Amino acid sequence: MQQQQLQQKPVDLTATTPLLCECGHGIFKEAMMFHKESRLMSGLPEDRIVPIQVMVCTKCETPLEEFLPAPLKKSYAKLPE
């Protein structure tokens, strides 16, 4: 069976709109959030740490909602300090 590779056409940046933070800033950096899952919930012998990669505003450190996993959207106004 032959696999077809999807060819992405080039993005016309003049036809795009910037993603902006609620504060109006448009520059972001990578950050990590960590959640702890109880061993009672996971069935594992120990609690486990779940890393979550997010993008945060470089001005106010608010996570960019589009990059949060669906269950966490609107749960975080700001990253915990």
N, C-alpha and C. Protein backbone atom coordinates (compact mmCIF):
# COMPACT_ATOMS: atom_id res chain seq x y z
N MET A 1 0.84 -1.17 0.00
CA MET A 1 0.00 0.00 0.00
C MET A 1 0.89 1.24 0.00
N GLN A 2 0.57 2.15 -0.85
CA GLN A 2 1.39 3.34 -1.01
C GLN A 2 0.86 4.45 -0.11
N GLN A 3 1.77 5.05 0.67
CA GLN A 3 1.36 6.16 1.52
C GLN A 3 1.54 7.46 0.77
N GLN A 4 0.53 8.28 0.83
CA GLN A 4 0.63 9.57 0.19
C GLN A 4 1.06 10.60 1.23
N GLN A 5 2.04 11.38 0.87
CA GLN A 5 2.49 12.44 1.75
C GLN A 5 1.72 13.70 1.39
N LEU A 6 1.16 14.29 2.40
CA LEU A 6 0.45 15.53 2.18
C LEU A 6 1.45 16.66 2.03
N GLN A 7 1.32 17.37 0.96
CA GLN A 7 2.21 18.51 0.76
C GLN A 7 1.51 19.74 1.28
N GLN A 8 2.20 20.44 2.17
CA GLN A 8 1.64 21.67 2.70
C GLN A 8 2.00 22.80 1.75
N LYS A 9 1.00 23.59 1.43
CA LYS A 9 1.31 24.72 0.59
C LYS A 9 1.90 25.82 1.47
N PRO A 10 2.74 26.67 0.91
CA PRO A 10 3.38 27.70 1.71
C PRO A 10 2.35 28.65 2.32
N VAL A 11 2.65 29.13 3.51
CA VAL A 11 1.76 30.04 4.21
C VAL A 11 2.00 31.46 3.71
N ASP A 12 0.94 32.15 3.36
CA ASP A 12 1.03 33.56 2.97
C ASP A 12 0.87 34.37 4.25
N LEU A 13 1.99 34.82 4.82
CA LEU A 13 1.95 35.52 6.10
C LEU A 13 1.15 36.81 6.04
N THR A 14 0.98 37.39 4.86
CA THR A 14 0.19 38.62 4.76
C THR A 14 -1.31 38.32 4.93
N ALA A 15 -1.69 37.05 4.83
CA ALA A 15 -3.10 36.68 4.99
C ALA A 15 -3.37 36.08 6.37
N THR A 16 -2.45 36.25 7.30
CA THR A 16 -2.63 35.70 8.65
C THR A 16 -2.87 36.83 9.65
N THR A 17 -3.34 36.44 10.81
CA THR A 17 -3.51 37.42 11.89
C THR A 17 -2.70 36.95 13.09
N PRO A 18 -2.10 37.88 13.83
CA PRO A 18 -1.27 37.48 14.97
C PRO A 18 -2.12 36.99 16.14
N LEU A 19 -1.56 36.06 16.89
CA LEU A 19 -2.18 35.65 18.15
C LEU A 19 -1.67 36.61 19.22
N LEU A 20 -2.58 37.21 19.93
CA LEU A 20 -2.20 38.17 20.96
C LEU A 20 -2.68 37.69 22.32
N CYS A 21 -1.93 38.06 23.33
CA CYS A 21 -2.31 37.80 24.71
C CYS A 21 -3.45 38.74 25.08
N GLU A 22 -4.12 38.45 26.16
CA GLU A 22 -5.18 39.33 26.66
C GLU A 22 -4.65 40.73 26.94
N CYS A 23 -3.36 40.85 27.25
CA CYS A 23 -2.77 42.15 27.54
C CYS A 23 -2.39 42.89 26.25
N GLY A 24 -2.57 42.25 25.09
CA GLY A 24 -2.26 42.87 23.81
C GLY A 24 -0.88 42.58 23.28
N HIS A 25 -0.05 41.91 24.07
CA HIS A 25 1.32 41.57 23.68
C HIS A 25 1.29 40.34 22.77
N GLY A 26 2.25 40.23 21.86
CA GLY A 26 2.24 39.13 20.91
C GLY A 26 3.50 38.30 20.88
N ILE A 27 4.33 38.36 21.92
CA ILE A 27 5.56 37.56 21.96
C ILE A 27 5.43 36.56 23.11
N PHE A 28 5.73 35.30 22.82
CA PHE A 28 5.54 34.22 23.79
C PHE A 28 6.81 33.41 23.96
N LYS A 29 6.88 32.69 25.07
CA LYS A 29 8.01 31.78 25.34
C LYS A 29 7.45 30.45 25.83
N GLU A 30 8.27 29.42 25.70
CA GLU A 30 7.87 28.10 26.18
C GLU A 30 8.01 28.05 27.69
N ALA A 31 7.08 27.36 28.33
CA ALA A 31 7.14 27.15 29.77
C ALA A 31 6.53 25.78 30.07
N MET A 32 6.75 25.32 31.27
CA MET A 32 6.21 24.02 31.68
C MET A 32 5.36 24.20 32.93
N MET A 33 4.22 23.52 32.94
CA MET A 33 3.40 23.40 34.14
C MET A 33 3.47 21.93 34.54
N PHE A 34 3.31 21.69 35.81
CA PHE A 34 3.33 20.31 36.29
C PHE A 34 2.09 20.06 37.13
N HIS A 35 1.46 18.93 36.88
CA HIS A 35 0.33 18.49 37.70
C HIS A 35 0.72 17.15 38.32
N LYS A 36 0.21 16.92 39.50
CA LYS A 36 0.48 15.64 40.17
C LYS A 36 -0.78 14.80 40.11
N GLU A 37 -0.62 13.56 39.68
CA GLU A 37 -1.73 12.61 39.64
C GLU A 37 -1.56 11.62 40.78
N SER A 38 -2.58 11.48 41.58
CA SER A 38 -2.54 10.58 42.72
C SER A 38 -2.41 9.13 42.27
N ARG A 39 -1.65 8.38 43.02
CA ARG A 39 -1.51 6.95 42.71
C ARG A 39 -2.86 6.25 42.81
N LEU A 40 -3.76 6.79 43.62
CA LEU A 40 -5.09 6.19 43.75
C LEU A 40 -5.90 6.35 42.46
N MET A 41 -5.66 7.44 41.75
CA MET A 41 -6.37 7.68 40.48
C MET A 41 -5.72 6.91 39.32
N SER A 42 -4.39 6.80 39.35
CA SER A 42 -3.68 6.18 38.23
C SER A 42 -3.56 4.67 38.35
N GLY A 43 -3.68 4.17 39.59
CA GLY A 43 -3.49 2.74 39.79
C GLY A 43 -2.03 2.33 39.83
N LEU A 44 -1.13 3.33 39.81
CA LEU A 44 0.30 3.06 39.87
C LEU A 44 0.75 2.99 41.33
N PRO A 45 1.93 2.42 41.59
CA PRO A 45 2.39 2.31 42.98
C PRO A 45 2.75 3.66 43.62
N GLU A 46 3.03 4.68 42.81
CA GLU A 46 3.40 6.00 43.33
C GLU A 46 2.66 7.09 42.58
N ASP A 47 2.53 8.27 43.21
CA ASP A 47 1.99 9.43 42.51
C ASP A 47 2.90 9.71 41.32
N ARG A 48 2.35 10.33 40.29
CA ARG A 48 3.20 10.68 39.16
C ARG A 48 3.02 12.16 38.82
N ILE A 49 4.10 12.71 38.29
CA ILE A 49 4.12 14.11 37.87
C ILE A 49 3.86 14.14 36.37
N VAL A 50 2.92 14.99 35.95
CA VAL A 50 2.55 15.11 34.55
C VAL A 50 3.04 16.47 34.04
N PRO A 51 4.05 16.50 33.14
CA PRO A 51 4.51 17.78 32.60
C PRO A 51 3.58 18.25 31.47
N ILE A 52 3.31 19.55 31.45
CA ILE A 52 2.44 20.13 30.43
C ILE A 52 3.17 21.32 29.82
N GLN A 53 3.50 21.23 28.54
CA GLN A 53 4.19 22.32 27.87
C GLN A 53 3.18 23.37 27.45
N VAL A 54 3.47 24.63 27.77
CA VAL A 54 2.58 25.75 27.41
C VAL A 54 3.41 26.88 26.83
N MET A 55 2.72 27.81 26.20
CA MET A 55 3.34 29.04 25.73
C MET A 55 2.78 30.17 26.59
N VAL A 56 3.67 31.01 27.15
CA VAL A 56 3.23 32.10 28.00
C VAL A 56 3.71 33.43 27.45
N CYS A 57 2.93 34.46 27.70
CA CYS A 57 3.25 35.82 27.27
C CYS A 57 4.53 36.27 27.97
N THR A 58 5.44 36.89 27.23
CA THR A 58 6.69 37.36 27.84
C THR A 58 6.47 38.62 28.66
N LYS A 59 5.32 39.26 28.52
CA LYS A 59 5.05 40.48 29.28
C LYS A 59 4.32 40.19 30.59
N CYS A 60 3.23 39.45 30.54
CA CYS A 60 2.42 39.23 31.75
C CYS A 60 2.41 37.77 32.23
N GLU A 61 3.05 36.88 31.49
CA GLU A 61 3.18 35.45 31.81
C GLU A 61 1.86 34.70 31.84
N THR A 62 0.86 35.21 31.12
CA THR A 62 -0.41 34.49 30.99
C THR A 62 -0.25 33.41 29.93
N PRO A 63 -0.70 32.17 30.21
CA PRO A 63 -0.61 31.13 29.18
C PRO A 63 -1.50 31.46 27.99
N LEU A 64 -1.02 31.14 26.80
CA LEU A 64 -1.81 31.31 25.58
C LEU A 64 -2.82 30.17 25.55
N GLU A 65 -4.08 30.52 25.62
CA GLU A 65 -5.14 29.52 25.78
C GLU A 65 -5.14 28.47 24.67
N GLU A 66 -4.80 28.87 23.45
CA GLU A 66 -4.82 27.93 22.33
C GLU A 66 -3.86 26.76 22.52
N PHE A 67 -2.85 26.92 23.38
CA PHE A 67 -1.87 25.86 23.59
C PHE A 67 -2.12 25.04 24.84
N LEU A 68 -3.14 25.40 25.61
CA LEU A 68 -3.46 24.61 26.81
C LEU A 68 -4.29 23.40 26.42
N PRO A 69 -4.08 22.28 27.11
CA PRO A 69 -4.96 21.12 26.86
C PRO A 69 -6.41 21.51 27.19
N ALA A 70 -7.36 20.98 26.47
CA ALA A 70 -8.77 21.34 26.63
C ALA A 70 -9.26 21.34 28.09
N PRO A 71 -8.92 20.34 28.91
CA PRO A 71 -9.42 20.36 30.29
C PRO A 71 -8.88 21.51 31.14
N LEU A 72 -7.80 22.14 30.71
CA LEU A 72 -7.20 23.22 31.50
C LEU A 72 -7.54 24.62 30.99
N LYS A 73 -8.18 24.71 29.84
CA LYS A 73 -8.49 26.02 29.28
C LYS A 73 -9.37 26.79 30.26
N LYS A 74 -9.10 28.05 30.40
CA LYS A 74 -9.81 28.98 31.27
C LYS A 74 -9.63 28.65 32.75
N SER A 75 -8.83 27.63 33.09
CA SER A 75 -8.56 27.33 34.49
C SER A 75 -7.39 28.15 35.02
N TYR A 76 -6.55 28.62 34.11
CA TYR A 76 -5.35 29.33 34.50
C TYR A 76 -5.38 30.76 33.98
N ALA A 77 -5.62 31.70 34.86
CA ALA A 77 -5.55 33.11 34.46
C ALA A 77 -4.08 33.50 34.35
N LYS A 78 -3.26 33.00 35.25
CA LYS A 78 -1.82 33.22 35.23
C LYS A 78 -1.15 31.95 35.71
N LEU A 79 0.09 31.77 35.31
CA LEU A 79 0.83 30.64 35.84
C LEU A 79 1.09 30.86 37.32
N PRO A 80 1.05 29.81 38.14
CA PRO A 80 1.38 29.97 39.55
C PRO A 80 2.80 30.50 39.70
N GLU A 81 2.97 31.45 40.60
CA GLU A 81 4.30 32.04 40.80
C GLU A 81 5.10 31.26 41.80
